[in-house]
Protein backbone atom coordinates (compact mmCIF):
# COMPACT_ATOMS: atom_id res chain seq x y z
CA UNK A 1 72.81 39.77 142.27
CA UNK A 2 68.87 39.98 143.56
CA UNK A 3 69.05 39.66 147.40
CA UNK A 4 67.33 36.18 147.96
CA UNK A 5 69.98 34.98 146.15
CA UNK A 6 72.89 36.14 148.32
CA UNK A 7 70.97 34.56 151.07
CA UNK A 8 70.36 31.72 149.44
CA UNK A 9 74.53 31.18 148.86
CA UNK A 10 75.10 32.36 151.87
CA UNK A 11 73.06 29.47 154.03
CA UNK A 12 74.55 27.28 152.06
CA UNK A 13 78.53 28.44 152.58
CA UNK A 14 77.76 28.64 156.41
CA UNK A 15 75.34 26.08 157.20
CA UNK A 16 76.07 22.92 154.14
CA UNK A 17 75.96 19.50 154.68
CA UNK A 18 80.04 19.56 154.32
CA UNK A 19 82.12 17.59 156.70
CA UNK A 20 85.18 16.88 157.53
CA UNK A 21 87.27 13.74 158.73
CA UNK A 22 87.09 15.68 162.24
CA UNK A 23 83.99 15.21 163.79
CA UNK A 24 83.99 17.72 166.45
CA UNK A 25 84.01 20.76 163.64
CA UNK A 26 84.75 24.20 164.43
CA UNK A 27 82.25 25.98 161.94
CA UNK A 28 83.69 29.63 160.40
CA UNK A 29 81.25 32.74 159.85
CA UNK A 30 83.76 34.94 159.49
CA UNK A 31 85.22 35.98 156.18
CA UNK A 32 88.84 35.15 156.71
CA UNK A 33 89.58 33.24 159.58
CA UNK A 34 93.76 33.08 159.89
CA UNK A 35 94.11 32.56 163.61
CA UNK A 36 94.63 28.92 164.12
CA UNK A 37 95.93 28.72 167.58
CA UNK A 38 92.96 30.86 168.71
CA UNK A 39 90.76 28.28 166.67
CA UNK A 40 92.59 25.70 168.61
CA UNK A 41 91.94 27.46 171.63
CA UNK A 42 88.02 27.20 170.58
CA UNK A 43 87.90 24.01 169.85
CA UNK A 44 89.71 22.51 173.09
CA UNK A 45 87.71 24.74 175.26
CA UNK A 46 84.30 23.95 173.93
CA UNK A 47 85.20 20.19 174.20
CA UNK A 48 86.14 20.65 177.94
CA UNK A 49 83.01 22.14 178.26
CA UNK A 50 80.78 19.84 176.08
CA UNK A 51 82.37 16.90 178.08
CA UNK A 52 81.03 18.66 181.27
CA UNK A 53 77.54 18.96 180.28
CA UNK A 54 77.13 15.24 178.90
CA UNK A 55 79.00 14.05 182.21
CA UNK A 56 76.13 16.24 184.22
CA UNK A 57 73.09 16.36 182.51
CA UNK A 58 71.29 14.46 180.10
CA UNK A 59 72.34 16.32 176.81
CA UNK A 60 73.47 12.12 175.53
CA UNK A 61 69.70 11.23 175.88
CA UNK A 62 68.11 13.83 173.49
CA UNK A 63 70.95 15.07 171.30
CA UNK A 64 72.68 11.87 168.52
CA UNK A 65 76.52 13.42 168.91
CA UNK A 66 77.18 9.99 167.55
CA UNK A 67 80.27 10.05 165.09
CA UNK A 68 82.54 7.57 163.38
CA UNK A 69 85.06 8.28 165.43
CA UNK A 70 85.11 7.07 168.96
CA UNK A 71 85.05 9.20 171.56
CA UNK A 72 85.00 12.59 168.99
CA UNK A 73 80.87 13.81 169.12
CA UNK A 74 80.03 15.28 166.23
CA UNK A 75 78.20 18.47 166.87
CA UNK A 76 79.63 22.06 164.77
CA UNK A 77 80.67 25.34 166.78
CA UNK A 78 80.25 28.61 165.22
CA UNK A 79 83.15 30.68 165.46
CA UNK A 80 81.10 33.83 165.60
CA UNK A 81 80.41 34.21 169.60
CA UNK A 82 78.08 36.25 171.18
CA UNK A 83 79.88 36.80 173.97
CA UNK A 84 83.26 36.00 175.59
CA UNK A 85 81.22 33.29 177.49
CA UNK A 86 79.30 32.19 175.20
CA UNK A 87 79.63 30.12 171.90
CA UNK A 88 76.58 28.59 169.10
CA UNK A 89 76.35 24.68 168.65
CA UNK A 90 74.02 23.02 166.05
CA UNK A 91 73.24 19.21 166.90
CA UNK A 92 71.18 16.52 165.90
CA UNK A 93 68.23 15.52 167.77
CA UNK A 94 67.99 12.07 168.85
CA UNK A 95 64.97 10.30 166.79
CA UNK A 96 62.75 7.66 168.01
CA UNK A 97 62.10 4.11 166.29
CA UNK A 98 58.54 4.47 165.42
CA UNK A 99 57.17 2.92 162.81
CA UNK A 100 53.85 3.91 163.17
CA UNK A 101 52.28 7.57 164.68
CA UNK A 102 48.49 7.12 165.60
CA UNK A 103 47.79 4.41 163.78
CA UNK A 104 49.51 5.34 160.45
CA UNK A 105 52.33 3.99 159.04
CA UNK A 106 54.89 6.48 158.89
CA UNK A 107 57.47 7.28 155.63
CA UNK A 108 61.09 6.97 155.48
CA UNK A 109 60.97 11.07 155.82
CA UNK A 110 58.55 11.26 158.59
CA UNK A 111 60.83 11.42 161.64
CA UNK A 112 59.90 11.42 165.15
CA UNK A 113 62.15 13.29 167.38
CA UNK A 114 62.72 12.42 171.07
CA UNK A 115 59.73 12.52 172.96
CA UNK A 116 60.60 16.12 174.75
CA UNK A 117 60.88 17.51 171.27
CA UNK A 118 57.69 16.29 169.86
CA UNK A 119 56.23 17.52 172.74
CA UNK A 120 57.33 20.98 172.20
CA UNK A 121 56.13 20.92 168.74
CA UNK A 122 53.11 19.18 169.24
CA UNK A 123 52.23 22.46 172.08
CA UNK A 124 53.25 24.91 169.75
CA UNK A 125 51.38 24.31 166.65
CA UNK A 126 48.48 22.31 168.34
CA UNK A 127 48.90 19.10 166.58
CA UNK A 128 50.72 15.81 166.25
CA UNK A 129 50.21 14.57 162.74
CA UNK A 130 53.00 13.49 161.06
CA UNK A 131 53.74 16.04 158.31
CA UNK A 132 53.00 18.48 160.92
CA UNK A 133 50.53 21.16 158.50
CA UNK A 134 51.71 24.27 160.87
CA UNK A 135 55.35 23.50 160.30
CA UNK A 136 54.94 22.82 157.19
CA UNK A 137 52.80 25.81 155.94
CA UNK A 138 55.72 28.00 158.35
CA UNK A 139 59.17 26.65 158.92
CA UNK A 140 61.29 25.67 156.88
CA UNK A 141 61.36 22.10 155.57
CA UNK A 142 64.72 21.04 157.37
CA UNK A 143 62.68 22.30 161.24
CA UNK A 144 64.47 20.02 163.67
CA UNK A 145 66.69 18.51 161.27
CA UNK A 146 69.61 20.53 162.92
CA UNK A 147 69.16 22.14 166.36
CA UNK A 148 70.73 25.37 167.42
CA UNK A 149 72.42 24.98 171.02
CA UNK A 150 73.37 28.54 172.64
CA UNK A 151 76.10 27.90 175.56
CA UNK A 152 76.65 30.17 178.29
CA UNK A 153 80.11 28.85 180.76
CA UNK A 154 81.05 31.30 182.66
CA UNK A 155 83.33 30.76 185.77
CA UNK A 156 81.38 30.55 189.06
CA UNK A 157 83.82 33.62 190.77
CA UNK A 158 83.07 35.73 187.56
CA UNK A 159 79.43 35.18 187.93
CA UNK A 160 78.56 37.40 190.51
CA UNK A 161 77.49 40.48 188.39
CA UNK A 162 73.92 40.38 187.31
CA UNK A 163 74.86 40.92 183.66
CA UNK A 164 76.89 38.13 183.16
CA UNK A 165 74.22 35.49 183.46
CA UNK A 166 71.62 35.96 180.59
CA UNK A 167 71.19 32.83 179.04
CA UNK A 168 68.13 32.65 182.17
CA UNK A 169 66.50 35.18 181.12
CA UNK A 170 66.79 35.18 177.32
CA UNK A 171 64.77 31.37 177.77
CA UNK A 172 62.31 33.10 179.97
CA UNK A 173 61.71 35.68 177.05
CA UNK A 174 62.05 33.91 174.56
CA UNK A 175 59.18 31.06 176.60
CA UNK A 176 56.83 34.06 177.46
CA UNK A 177 56.53 34.76 174.23
CA UNK A 178 55.37 31.48 172.70
CA UNK A 179 53.45 30.92 175.93
CA UNK A 180 51.33 33.81 174.84
CA UNK A 181 50.83 32.75 171.15
CA UNK A 182 49.68 29.50 172.76
CA UNK A 183 47.28 30.69 174.86
CA UNK A 184 45.58 33.01 172.19
CA UNK A 185 46.24 29.93 169.55
CA UNK A 186 44.17 27.84 171.85
CA UNK A 187 41.47 30.20 172.56
CA UNK A 188 41.15 31.17 168.40
CA UNK A 189 42.17 34.82 168.32
CA UNK A 190 44.83 34.78 166.35
CA UNK A 191 46.38 32.20 163.71
CA UNK A 192 48.83 29.31 164.03
CA UNK A 193 51.21 31.72 162.05
CA UNK A 194 51.56 34.92 164.46
CA UNK A 195 55.21 33.73 165.49
CA UNK A 196 56.48 33.51 162.09
CA UNK A 197 59.57 35.22 162.19
CA UNK A 198 60.52 33.76 166.27
CA UNK A 199 62.82 30.62 166.90
CA UNK A 200 60.70 27.87 168.52
CA UNK A 201 62.64 27.14 172.14
CA UNK A 202 62.86 23.31 172.96
CA UNK A 203 64.76 23.53 176.18
CA UNK A 204 66.50 25.27 179.19
CA UNK A 205 69.47 22.90 181.37
CA UNK A 206 71.22 24.20 183.98
CA UNK A 207 74.00 21.91 184.40
CA UNK A 208 75.50 21.23 187.80
CA UNK A 209 78.50 18.99 188.91
CA UNK A 210 81.25 20.81 187.80
CA UNK A 211 83.53 22.37 189.86
CA UNK A 212 84.49 25.40 187.82
CA UNK A 213 80.92 26.46 187.12
CA UNK A 214 78.90 25.73 190.74
CA UNK A 215 77.74 28.42 193.41
CA UNK A 216 79.48 27.99 196.27
CA UNK A 217 77.34 28.02 199.58
CA UNK A 218 80.17 30.17 201.54
CA UNK A 219 78.47 33.34 201.30
CA UNK A 220 78.85 34.00 197.68
CA UNK A 221 75.52 36.28 196.31
CA UNK A 222 74.80 35.81 192.49
CA UNK A 223 72.72 37.67 191.04
CA UNK A 224 71.13 37.99 187.60
CA UNK A 225 68.33 40.53 186.31
CA UNK A 226 64.58 38.63 186.31
CA UNK A 227 62.89 39.34 182.87
CA UNK A 228 61.21 42.62 184.14
CA UNK A 229 64.64 44.12 184.63
CA UNK A 230 65.00 43.85 188.15
CA UNK A 231 68.08 42.43 190.41
CA UNK A 232 67.44 39.30 191.83
CA UNK A 233 69.16 36.36 193.20
CA UNK A 234 70.07 33.10 190.87
CA UNK A 235 69.41 30.53 193.53
CA UNK A 236 65.86 31.48 194.31
CA UNK A 237 65.63 31.49 190.86
CA UNK A 238 62.93 28.51 188.92
CA UNK A 239 61.83 27.61 185.16
CA UNK A 240 58.08 27.59 185.18
CA UNK A 241 56.91 24.34 183.63
CA UNK A 242 55.31 25.39 180.92
CA UNK A 243 57.59 24.15 178.14
CA UNK A 244 58.20 20.17 178.71
CA UNK A 245 61.12 18.60 180.27
CA UNK A 246 62.93 21.95 181.48
CA UNK A 247 63.28 20.32 184.27
CA UNK A 248 65.91 23.02 186.22
CA UNK A 249 63.71 24.01 189.16
CA UNK A 250 66.38 25.79 190.40
CA UNK A 251 70.01 27.22 189.16
CA UNK A 252 72.51 25.90 190.38
CA UNK A 253 75.43 26.82 188.71
CA UNK A 254 76.70 29.64 186.42
CA UNK A 255 77.30 26.39 183.23
CA UNK A 256 73.81 26.56 181.15
CA UNK A 257 72.34 26.09 177.65
CA UNK A 258 69.42 26.41 175.58
CA UNK A 259 68.05 24.23 172.55
CA UNK A 260 65.97 26.26 170.14
CA UNK A 261 65.30 26.41 166.42
CA UNK A 262 68.50 26.53 164.23
CA UNK A 263 68.88 29.54 162.23
CA UNK A 264 70.37 30.92 159.33
CA UNK A 265 73.18 33.69 158.72
CA UNK A 266 72.58 36.74 160.45
CA UNK A 267 71.27 40.51 159.03
CA UNK A 268 74.75 41.56 160.60
CA UNK A 269 76.94 38.96 158.68
CA UNK A 270 75.05 39.53 155.27
CA UNK A 271 76.01 42.86 156.20
CA UNK A 272 79.95 42.57 156.71
CA UNK A 273 79.59 40.22 153.71
CA UNK A 274 78.59 42.82 151.27
CA UNK A 275 80.65 45.74 152.54
CA UNK A 276 83.24 43.49 152.00
CA UNK A 277 83.10 43.93 148.14
CA UNK A 278 82.40 47.22 149.00
CA UNK A 279 78.17 46.91 148.25
CA UNK A 280 75.38 48.12 150.00
CA UNK A 281 71.82 46.99 149.82
CA UNK A 282 69.82 48.21 147.23
CA UNK A 283 66.96 50.63 148.09
CA UNK A 284 64.07 47.89 147.74
CA UNK A 285 65.92 44.75 150.10
CA UNK A 286 66.23 47.33 152.44
CA UNK A 287 62.74 48.36 152.75
CA UNK A 288 61.46 43.92 152.34
CA UNK A 289 64.21 44.25 155.14
CA UNK A 290 62.99 47.23 157.35
CA UNK A 291 59.35 45.91 156.79
CA UNK A 292 59.75 42.43 158.56
CA UNK A 293 61.51 44.08 161.15
CA UNK A 294 58.56 46.37 161.76
CA UNK A 295 56.50 43.23 162.00
CA UNK A 296 58.75 41.23 164.13
CA UNK A 297 59.03 44.05 166.34
CA UNK A 298 54.64 44.48 166.54
CA UNK A 299 54.19 40.79 167.81
CA UNK A 300 57.01 40.75 170.43
CA UNK A 301 55.53 44.09 171.73
CA UNK A 302 52.44 42.69 171.35
CA UNK A 303 53.21 40.34 174.12
CA UNK A 304 54.93 43.13 176.72
CA UNK A 305 58.73 42.56 175.09
CA UNK A 306 60.82 45.20 174.62
CA UNK A 307 63.78 44.23 173.07
CA UNK A 308 65.68 47.10 173.89
CA UNK A 309 68.92 46.58 172.13
CA UNK A 310 67.80 45.99 168.54
CA UNK A 311 71.07 45.97 165.92
CA UNK A 312 71.77 43.89 162.68
CA UNK A 313 73.52 40.21 164.62
CA UNK A 314 69.85 40.53 166.36
CA UNK A 315 67.87 39.50 163.61
CA UNK A 316 68.43 35.65 161.46
CA UNK A 317 67.28 34.41 158.16
CA UNK A 318 65.53 31.26 157.96
CA UNK A 319 68.12 28.14 157.09
CA UNK A 320 67.85 26.67 153.46
CA UNK A 321 64.62 27.78 150.94
CA UNK A 322 63.14 29.90 154.27
CA UNK A 323 65.76 32.71 153.76
CA UNK A 324 63.44 35.17 152.63
CA UNK A 325 62.22 34.94 156.11
CA UNK A 326 63.65 37.31 159.00
CA UNK A 327 64.36 36.12 162.25
CA UNK A 328 64.93 38.44 165.78
CA UNK A 329 66.62 36.88 168.24
CA UNK A 330 69.59 37.98 170.98
CA UNK A 331 66.70 38.39 173.89
CA UNK A 332 69.39 39.01 176.70
CA UNK A 333 68.56 42.45 177.46
CA UNK A 334 64.99 42.58 176.39
CA UNK A 335 62.42 43.31 179.07
CA UNK A 336 59.07 42.20 179.54
CA UNK A 337 56.47 44.55 180.52
CA UNK A 338 59.22 46.92 182.20
CA UNK A 339 57.57 48.35 185.31
CA UNK A 340 61.12 49.24 187.06
CA UNK A 341 62.88 52.71 186.72
CA UNK A 342 66.10 50.87 185.62
CA UNK A 343 67.87 49.28 182.61
CA UNK A 344 69.30 46.31 181.75
CA UNK A 345 72.75 47.15 181.03
CA UNK A 346 74.83 46.42 178.36
CA UNK A 347 74.18 47.62 174.46
CA UNK A 348 75.26 48.27 171.16
CA UNK A 349 75.77 52.08 171.50
CA UNK A 350 75.22 52.52 167.45
CA UNK A 351 71.55 51.42 167.28
CA UNK A 352 70.59 51.84 170.60
CA UNK A 353 67.77 54.50 171.45
CA UNK A 354 68.50 57.72 172.62
CA UNK A 355 64.89 57.90 174.36
CA UNK A 356 66.29 55.59 176.53
CA UNK A 357 68.87 57.92 178.39
CA UNK A 358 66.87 60.67 177.93
CA UNK A 359 63.51 59.47 179.92
CA UNK A 360 65.60 57.08 181.77
CA UNK A 361 63.17 53.95 180.80
CA UNK A 362 62.65 51.89 178.40
CA UNK A 363 59.57 51.96 175.57
CA UNK A 364 58.13 49.84 172.97
CA UNK A 365 58.93 53.04 170.29
CA UNK A 366 62.59 52.66 171.67
CA UNK A 367 62.86 49.43 169.34
CA UNK A 368 61.61 50.76 166.27
CA UNK A 369 64.29 54.24 166.61
CA UNK A 370 67.01 51.44 166.56
CA UNK A 371 64.40 49.76 164.00
CA UNK A 372 65.48 53.05 161.67
CA UNK A 373 69.01 52.85 162.34
CA UNK A 374 69.29 49.53 160.81
CA UNK A 375 67.45 51.08 158.12
CA UNK A 376 69.74 53.69 156.96
CA UNK A 377 72.70 51.51 157.80
CA UNK A 378 72.15 49.21 155.37
CA UNK A 379 71.19 51.51 153.05
CA UNK A 380 74.79 54.07 153.34
CA UNK A 381 76.54 51.62 154.97
CA UNK A 382 77.26 53.89 158.19
CA UNK A 383 75.55 55.86 160.56
CA UNK A 384 75.59 59.47 161.37
CA UNK A 385 77.52 58.88 164.71
CA UNK A 386 80.34 56.62 163.64
CA UNK A 387 82.88 58.62 164.50
CA UNK A 388 81.95 59.31 167.65
CA UNK A 389 81.52 55.09 168.27
CA UNK A 390 84.45 53.56 166.01
CA UNK A 391 86.89 56.56 166.29
CA UNK A 392 88.15 59.24 164.32
CA UNK A 393 87.21 58.81 160.76
CA UNK A 394 87.84 60.34 157.40
CA UNK A 395 84.83 60.57 155.65
CA UNK A 396 85.64 61.02 151.72
CA UNK A 397 82.33 62.61 150.88
CA UNK A 398 79.49 62.87 152.92
CA UNK A 399 78.06 59.62 154.38
CA UNK A 400 79.56 57.49 151.88
CA UNK A 401 82.24 55.95 153.51
CA UNK A 402 82.01 52.45 154.49
CA UNK A 403 83.55 51.80 158.20
CA UNK A 404 84.48 48.60 159.92
CA UNK A 405 81.47 46.95 162.02
CA UNK A 406 83.21 47.12 165.04
CA UNK A 407 80.01 48.07 167.51
CA UNK A 408 81.16 48.60 171.16
CA UNK A 409 78.76 46.93 173.44
CA UNK A 410 78.67 49.26 176.82
CA UNK A 411 76.99 50.05 179.16
CA UNK A 412 77.61 54.12 178.75
CA UNK A 413 76.58 55.75 175.21
CA UNK A 414 78.36 58.26 173.45
CA UNK A 415 75.80 59.09 170.50
CA UNK A 416 72.96 60.43 172.35
CA UNK A 417 73.77 63.72 171.49
CA UNK A 418 74.54 63.22 167.83
CA UNK A 419 70.77 61.00 167.92
CA UNK A 420 68.86 63.75 169.58
CA UNK A 421 70.32 65.88 166.80
CA UNK A 422 69.72 63.61 164.15
CA UNK A 423 65.88 63.66 165.41
CA UNK A 424 65.83 67.14 165.63
CA UNK A 425 67.21 68.92 162.52
CA UNK A 426 66.22 67.02 158.99
CA UNK A 427 69.50 67.69 156.92
CA UNK A 428 70.90 64.79 157.99
CA UNK A 429 68.85 62.51 157.03
CA UNK A 430 68.89 64.86 153.78
CA UNK A 431 72.82 64.45 153.33
CA UNK A 432 72.56 60.69 153.91
CA UNK A 433 69.05 60.27 150.82
CA UNK A 434 71.62 62.22 148.81
CA UNK A 435 74.20 59.30 148.66
CA UNK A 436 71.84 56.35 148.63
CA UNK A 437 72.13 54.34 145.17
CA UNK A 438 68.71 54.77 143.36
CA UNK A 439 67.67 51.11 141.40
CA UNK A 440 65.15 53.29 139.17
CA UNK A 441 66.73 55.54 137.35
CA UNK A 442 64.26 58.05 136.12
CA UNK A 443 63.88 61.39 137.33
CA UNK A 444 60.47 60.94 138.68
CA UNK A 445 61.28 57.80 140.07
CA UNK A 446 64.05 58.79 142.15
CA UNK A 447 62.47 62.28 143.26
CA UNK A 448 60.06 59.96 144.31
CA UNK A 449 62.21 57.50 146.29
CA UNK A 450 63.65 60.07 148.03
CA UNK A 451 60.19 61.46 149.51
CA UNK A 452 59.65 57.92 150.61
CA UNK A 453 62.47 57.60 152.57
CA UNK A 454 61.90 61.15 153.58
CA UNK A 455 58.83 60.12 154.77
CA UNK A 456 60.11 57.22 156.72
CA UNK A 457 61.90 59.31 158.60
CA UNK A 458 59.19 61.82 159.27
CA UNK A 459 57.07 59.19 160.71
CA UNK A 460 59.66 57.88 162.33
CA UNK A 461 60.15 61.19 164.29
CA UNK A 462 56.46 61.84 164.65
CA UNK A 463 56.07 58.76 166.45
CA UNK A 464 58.56 58.71 168.80
CA UNK A 465 57.59 62.62 169.91
CA UNK A 466 53.75 61.63 170.26
CA UNK A 467 53.44 57.64 171.07
CA UNK A 468 56.59 57.24 173.96
CA UNK A 469 54.39 58.97 176.47
CA UNK A 470 51.55 55.78 176.14
CA UNK A 471 51.26 53.54 179.27
CA UNK A 472 53.08 50.24 178.40
CA UNK A 473 49.75 48.71 179.46
CA UNK A 474 47.51 50.81 176.89
CA UNK A 475 50.21 50.18 174.09
CA UNK A 476 50.18 46.37 174.28
CA UNK A 477 46.49 46.39 174.04
CA UNK A 478 45.99 48.81 171.24
CA UNK A 479 49.34 47.65 169.19
CA UNK A 480 47.07 45.35 166.66
CA UNK A 481 44.12 47.07 166.96
CA UNK A 482 43.34 49.19 163.91
CA UNK A 483 44.33 53.01 163.61
CA UNK A 484 44.92 53.32 167.24
CA UNK A 485 47.74 55.36 168.01
CA UNK A 486 50.17 51.91 168.71
CA UNK A 487 48.59 50.38 165.78
CA UNK A 488 49.98 52.76 163.40
CA UNK A 489 53.61 53.50 164.96
CA UNK A 490 54.02 50.44 162.79
CA UNK A 491 51.77 50.77 159.86
CA UNK A 492 52.25 54.57 159.23
CA UNK A 493 55.94 52.97 158.11
CA UNK A 494 54.57 50.01 156.43
CA UNK A 495 52.61 51.99 154.62
CA UNK A 496 55.03 54.00 152.96
CA UNK A 497 57.44 50.56 152.59
CA UNK A 498 54.49 49.26 150.31
CA UNK A 499 54.18 52.27 148.12
CA UNK A 500 57.43 51.78 147.04
CA UNK A 501 56.16 48.35 145.20
CA UNK A 502 53.67 47.08 143.12
CA UNK A 503 51.83 44.10 144.17
CA UNK A 504 48.83 42.46 142.93
CA UNK A 505 46.53 42.70 145.63
CA UNK A 506 47.40 45.22 148.70
CA UNK A 507 45.41 45.33 151.81
CA UNK A 508 43.35 47.92 152.66
CA UNK A 509 44.96 48.78 155.76
CA UNK A 510 48.18 49.23 154.04
CA UNK A 511 47.03 51.73 151.74
CA UNK A 512 48.60 55.54 152.04
CA UNK A 513 46.92 58.45 150.86
CA UNK A 514 49.89 60.68 150.65
CA UNK A 515 51.47 57.48 148.65
CA UNK A 516 48.24 57.04 146.66
CA UNK A 517 48.66 60.89 145.74
CA UNK A 518 52.16 60.80 144.54
CA UNK A 519 51.37 58.01 142.80
CA UNK A 520 48.55 59.57 140.77
CA UNK A 521 51.21 62.60 139.96
CA UNK A 522 53.78 59.62 138.57
CA UNK A 523 51.07 58.08 136.31
CA UNK A 524 50.14 61.55 134.72
CA UNK A 525 54.02 61.86 133.90
CA UNK A 526 54.80 58.55 132.88
CA UNK A 527 52.89 55.90 130.95
CA UNK A 528 54.94 52.99 132.59
CA UNK A 529 54.82 52.30 136.23
CA UNK A 530 58.43 51.00 136.99
CA UNK A 531 58.26 50.75 140.67
CA UNK A 532 59.47 47.05 141.80
CA UNK A 533 57.08 44.23 141.57
CA UNK A 534 56.86 42.47 145.01
CA UNK A 535 57.97 38.89 144.55
CA UNK A 536 56.06 36.88 147.03
CA UNK A 537 57.61 33.54 146.00
CA UNK A 538 60.73 35.07 147.03
CA UNK A 539 60.37 37.06 150.24
CA UNK A 540 58.00 36.88 153.01
CA UNK A 541 55.40 39.62 153.19
CA UNK A 542 53.16 39.73 156.94
CA UNK A 543 49.73 41.77 156.59
CA UNK A 544 49.31 40.95 159.92
CA UNK A 545 45.57 41.69 159.51
CA UNK A 546 43.88 43.21 163.00
CA UNK A 547 41.33 40.40 161.99
CA UNK A 548 42.31 37.89 164.73
CA UNK A 549 41.21 35.38 162.08
CA UNK A 550 42.97 36.19 159.27
CA UNK A 551 46.22 34.80 158.40
CA UNK A 552 49.14 37.16 159.58
CA UNK A 553 51.57 36.52 156.74
CA UNK A 554 51.32 35.57 153.10
CA UNK A 555 54.08 33.33 150.74
CA UNK A 556 52.91 31.58 147.46
CA UNK A 557 56.10 29.61 148.18
CA UNK A 558 59.63 29.21 150.18
CA UNK A 559 61.00 28.08 147.27
CA UNK A 560 63.66 30.65 145.37
C-alpha cells in the first residue's frame, strides 16, 4: 500500500467526523482499547478539569462547546496522553456572525472566527483576506475548523519540581519560532511558507481559581525551566504579549491550556500501526519522511531552537488532505539558544543523542543524530540498543526482530556506550542495511541503495565530528547560507536522499557529485532508470533554497 494511502486512511480513522450520542467523546488513538474502566476514569477526570476551565477562564467565549444534549459539552479527548498530567483535546472555535468583511460579501464557506483567532491568523500570514491566500497555499483546507488544545493539570502539591510544568515553556518556544518568522516575513527576507510543518499557536491560558491547582503563598516555591534551560520561579514568569489575547501575565496555578493548529496522527502512531501488521517502511517512504524531518530541523535551528528530544512521537502528519506534510511538535524539552551548562531533564532514551551526554551540553547537530535513529527505526523496526532499553531481547535474525514500542521517558540514559560504538564502527549499520527490504529488486539498484544508506550514515557521522564545535551564534547565522558547514549538515544528507529519486527538475543545491557519478555507472550498465519517481502531488518536498526571495516548498497539490 502506498504511504499516502495509509496516511489518508489513518487520518479518516482517527480524526473523522463520526459523532456518537454522547457529546463529550473520548477519541481512541490506539489500535485496541479494552480497558473500559480506564476510559471511564479518564472521561470523568477530563470532565472535572474542563468544568474548572470553563468556570475560571474565558474558554466558552472562544470555543463553541454547545451540543444537542444539555450540560454535556461537545469536545473530543485523545486517549493517548502526552504525560501523566497532560491530555489533548479538540474543540471548535466560535464563529463571528459577520456577513461582510472589508466591504466584501462573505460566501457561506468563508468562515470568520472569534477575533482572537482572526488576529493570530492575520499576524502570521500578513493577510486578512477571505479566503486567505497564504493559508490556501500552506495549510490544510480544514485549518481552524477544529483546534487542538493541550491541557496541563498538575496538582499543586506535585508542581514543586521544575520538570513538572512543561506546557508554558512549550508555548513560549513555539511562539518564539513564529515571532522570528513574523519579523522575517515583514522584512521580506523569507517566504510566507517558511513555517510549513510547524503548528500555528493561538493562545496560552493559565487558569486560576481552582483550589486543587492554585499556588499557595505559604512559603512554597514553584519552579520551572525557562526557554534557555535555566530554573526560575514560575510566579515571576510573564507571557509576552506578541500573540493577541494571551493575557496571562503571571502564572498563579498549575492548570493551563494551549491552543494550536490541529494536526493528524503522529509518526509514532503510524509506526505502531504498521508494526502491528509486521511491516516496516519502504526505503522511499522512510527517505521522504527523513527529508521532511531534516527540513523542519533546519528551520528550527535557524531560529535558535534545539529540540533535544526528537523521537517518532514528536512528528505529526497534517490532517485530511495535508497528510503529506510532516509537522514537528512536542517542544517541552526544547531549548532556545542554550547558554547554560545544564540540560532540561527527561527524554526518550532510545532516540536521544549520545553527544548530549558526552559533551554535557545541547547543540543543534544532536537533533540530526536523533533524526538518523528515527530513520533507521522506520527502515528496520528496531534500534541496535533496544535490548538494553526494552529488556532482554532474543532477536531471531540480526536486527530484523520487531519489538514493542515502549520508550522509557527518563532523565538517565542507558544507551550512551552503545551509541558511541555505533558511530565508531560501521559493522552495525552494515548489518542493519542487510536486513532492509529493498523495493528495487535489480541487483545493480540493490547495491546502489545500500551505498546510499551507508552514505547517509557516513555523512551524519562526519557532521557529528566536525559541526558540534561550531558555536551556537555562528551555527544559527550560517544554517541557511549555502555551502557553509552548518548548511551542509542538512544538505549533505538531502543530496543523498534526492539521488534515490527521479525528479523532473532538481535544483542545483540538491545535486550530489558522488551520487551523480554513481548514477552514471548505473546508466552505463542499465538502459532504464529504475529509481522511484518523486510524486509531488502526494508528498511535500522542501527546497529550502538559500535565496530568501524563493519559495521554501514545492507542492503541486495537497490532493491525493
